[in-house]
């Protein structure tokens, strides 16, 4: 399902490939460890598509579950751990 959805998006982008202004990328990582990058003419259009894709696949953001307090608890080679508060339990 995701694969055919991506192909439809790519077709739309290919049709407007001659555009020479600034483009806004949106990377989609597919569970088979492949990724695709889609480009949009405006940041608003990029955000609209990102929201539509998240809604379609049922993706949620960490901010839906936690508030990040900003205090860094630790940092490693691949990222950092921040203090957070669960929105349901406090």
C-alpha atoms as a PDB file:
ATOM      1  CA  UNK A   1       0.000   0.000   0.000  1.00  0.00           C
ATOM      2  CA  UNK A   2       2.754   2.457   0.909  1.00  0.00           C
ATOM      3  CA  UNK A   3       4.703   1.500  -2.217  1.00  0.00           C
ATOM      4  CA  UNK A   4       1.861   2.401  -4.599  1.00  0.00           C
ATOM      5  CA  UNK A   5       1.228   5.607  -2.645  1.00  0.00           C
ATOM      6  CA  UNK A   6       4.893   6.600  -3.058  1.00  0.00           C
ATOM      7  CA  UNK A   7       4.776   5.839  -6.785  1.00  0.00           C
ATOM      8  CA  UNK A   8       1.787   8.146  -7.192  1.00  0.00           C
ATOM      9  CA  UNK A   9       3.634  10.917  -5.369  1.00  0.00           C
ATOM     10  CA  UNK A  10       6.752  10.412  -7.476  1.00  0.00           C
ATOM     11  CA  UNK A  11       4.710  10.709 -10.675  1.00  0.00           C
ATOM     12  CA  UNK A  12       3.369  14.090  -9.552  1.00  0.00           C
ATOM     13  CA  UNK A  13       6.884  15.309  -8.773  1.00  0.00           C
ATOM     14  CA  UNK A  14       8.304  14.066 -12.077  1.00  0.00           C
ATOM     15  CA  UNK A  15       5.647  16.047 -13.939  1.00  0.00           C
ATOM     16  CA  UNK A  16       6.973  19.263 -12.375  1.00  0.00           C
ATOM     17  CA  UNK A  17      10.699  18.412 -12.477  1.00  0.00           C
ATOM     18  CA  UNK A  18      11.522  21.489 -14.569  1.00  0.00           C
ATOM     19  CA  UNK A  19      10.837  23.812 -11.616  1.00  0.00           C
ATOM     20  CA  UNK A  20      13.967  25.871 -10.786  1.00  0.00           C
ATOM     21  CA  UNK A  21      13.101  27.489  -7.412  1.00  0.00           C
ATOM     22  CA  UNK A  22      13.957  26.298  -3.910  1.00  0.00           C
ATOM     23  CA  UNK A  23      12.531  22.897  -3.036  1.00  0.00           C
ATOM     24  CA  UNK A  24      11.627  21.495   0.380  1.00  0.00           C
ATOM     25  CA  UNK A  25      12.509  17.810   0.908  1.00  0.00           C
ATOM     26  CA  UNK A  26      10.494  15.216   2.808  1.00  0.00           C
ATOM     27  CA  UNK A  27      12.201  11.860   3.433  1.00  0.00           C
ATOM     28  CA  UNK A  28      10.034   8.776   3.788  1.00  0.00           C
ATOM     29  CA  UNK A  29      11.691   5.711   5.291  1.00  0.00           C
ATOM     30  CA  UNK A  30       9.922   2.525   4.253  1.00  0.00           C
ATOM     31  CA  UNK A  31      10.027  -0.440   6.693  1.00  0.00           C
ATOM     32  CA  UNK A  32      12.193  -2.471   4.286  1.00  0.00           C
ATOM     33  CA  UNK A  33      14.991   0.016   5.087  1.00  0.00           C
ATOM     34  CA  UNK A  34      14.567   1.849   1.813  1.00  0.00           C
ATOM     35  CA  UNK A  35      13.908   5.549   1.703  1.00  0.00           C
ATOM     36  CA  UNK A  36      12.506   8.027  -0.752  1.00  0.00           C
ATOM     37  CA  UNK A  37      12.869  11.780  -0.791  1.00  0.00           C
ATOM     38  CA  UNK A  38       9.996  13.878  -2.075  1.00  0.00           C
ATOM     39  CA  UNK A  39      10.471  17.538  -2.955  1.00  0.00           C
ATOM     40  CA  UNK A  40       7.889  20.296  -2.674  1.00  0.00           C
ATOM     41  CA  UNK A  41       7.783  23.853  -3.954  1.00  0.00           C
ATOM     42  CA  UNK A  42       6.660  25.388  -0.652  1.00  0.00           C
ATOM     43  CA  UNK A  43       7.150  24.542   2.994  1.00  0.00           C
ATOM     44  CA  UNK A  44       3.371  24.670   3.460  1.00  0.00           C
ATOM     45  CA  UNK A  45       2.897  22.033   0.760  1.00  0.00           C
ATOM     46  CA  UNK A  46       5.647  19.909   2.341  1.00  0.00           C
ATOM     47  CA  UNK A  47       3.977  20.081   5.762  1.00  0.00           C
ATOM     48  CA  UNK A  48       0.546  19.336   4.296  1.00  0.00           C
ATOM     49  CA  UNK A  49       1.871  16.169   2.649  1.00  0.00           C
ATOM     50  CA  UNK A  50       3.790  15.133   5.777  1.00  0.00           C
ATOM     51  CA  UNK A  51       0.620  15.458   7.850  1.00  0.00           C
ATOM     52  CA  UNK A  52      -1.443  13.553   5.265  1.00  0.00           C
ATOM     53  CA  UNK A  53       1.091  10.709   5.158  1.00  0.00           C
ATOM     54  CA  UNK A  54       1.281  10.524   8.967  1.00  0.00           C
ATOM     55  CA  UNK A  55      -2.507  10.407   9.174  1.00  0.00           C
ATOM     56  CA  UNK A  56      -2.798   7.774   6.435  1.00  0.00           C
ATOM     57  CA  UNK A  57      -0.294   5.387   8.034  1.00  0.00           C
ATOM     58  CA  UNK A  58      -1.374   6.132  11.597  1.00  0.00           C
ATOM     59  CA  UNK A  59       1.954   7.606  12.660  1.00  0.00           C
ATOM     60  CA  UNK A  60       2.155   9.596  15.854  1.00  0.00           C
ATOM     61  CA  UNK A  61       4.729  12.037  17.135  1.00  0.00           C
ATOM     62  CA  UNK A  62       6.456  11.855  20.504  1.00  0.00           C
ATOM     63  CA  UNK A  63       4.769  15.136  21.453  1.00  0.00           C
ATOM     64  CA  UNK A  64       1.422  13.286  21.315  1.00  0.00           C
ATOM     65  CA  UNK A  65       2.522  11.280  24.359  1.00  0.00           C
ATOM     66  CA  UNK A  66       5.198  13.294  26.191  1.00  0.00           C
ATOM     67  CA  UNK A  67       6.298  16.856  26.865  1.00  0.00           C
ATOM     68  CA  UNK A  68      10.055  17.209  26.559  1.00  0.00           C
ATOM     69  CA  UNK A  69      11.358  19.162  29.515  1.00  0.00           C
ATOM     70  CA  UNK A  70      14.583  20.100  27.728  1.00  0.00           C
ATOM     71  CA  UNK A  71      16.919  18.726  30.427  1.00  0.00           C
ATOM     72  CA  UNK A  72      19.495  16.380  28.854  1.00  0.00           C
ATOM     73  CA  UNK A  73      19.956  13.185  30.868  1.00  0.00           C
ATOM     74  CA  UNK A  74      22.620  11.674  28.642  1.00  0.00           C
ATOM     75  CA  UNK A  75      24.174  11.805  25.224  1.00  0.00           C
ATOM     76  CA  UNK A  76      25.723   9.131  23.031  1.00  0.00           C
ATOM     77  CA  UNK A  77      27.010   8.532  19.541  1.00  0.00           C
ATOM     78  CA  UNK A  78      23.538   8.229  18.017  1.00  0.00           C
ATOM     79  CA  UNK A  79      21.510  10.750  19.977  1.00  0.00           C
ATOM     80  CA  UNK A  80      20.628  12.097  23.373  1.00  0.00           C
ATOM     81  CA  UNK A  81      18.140  11.298  26.121  1.00  0.00           C
ATOM     82  CA  UNK A  82      15.925  14.123  27.372  1.00  0.00           C
ATOM     83  CA  UNK A  83      13.835  14.366  30.516  1.00  0.00           C
ATOM     84  CA  UNK A  84      10.169  14.089  29.611  1.00  0.00           C
ATOM     85  CA  UNK A  85       6.751  13.934  31.243  1.00  0.00           C
ATOM     86  CA  UNK A  86       4.071  11.456  30.167  1.00  0.00           C
ATOM     87  CA  UNK A  87       0.927  13.419  29.247  1.00  0.00           C
ATOM     88  CA  UNK A  88      -1.429  10.738  30.648  1.00  0.00           C
ATOM     89  CA  UNK A  89       0.288   9.891  33.914  1.00  0.00           C
ATOM     90  CA  UNK A  90       2.146  13.118  34.633  1.00  0.00           C
END
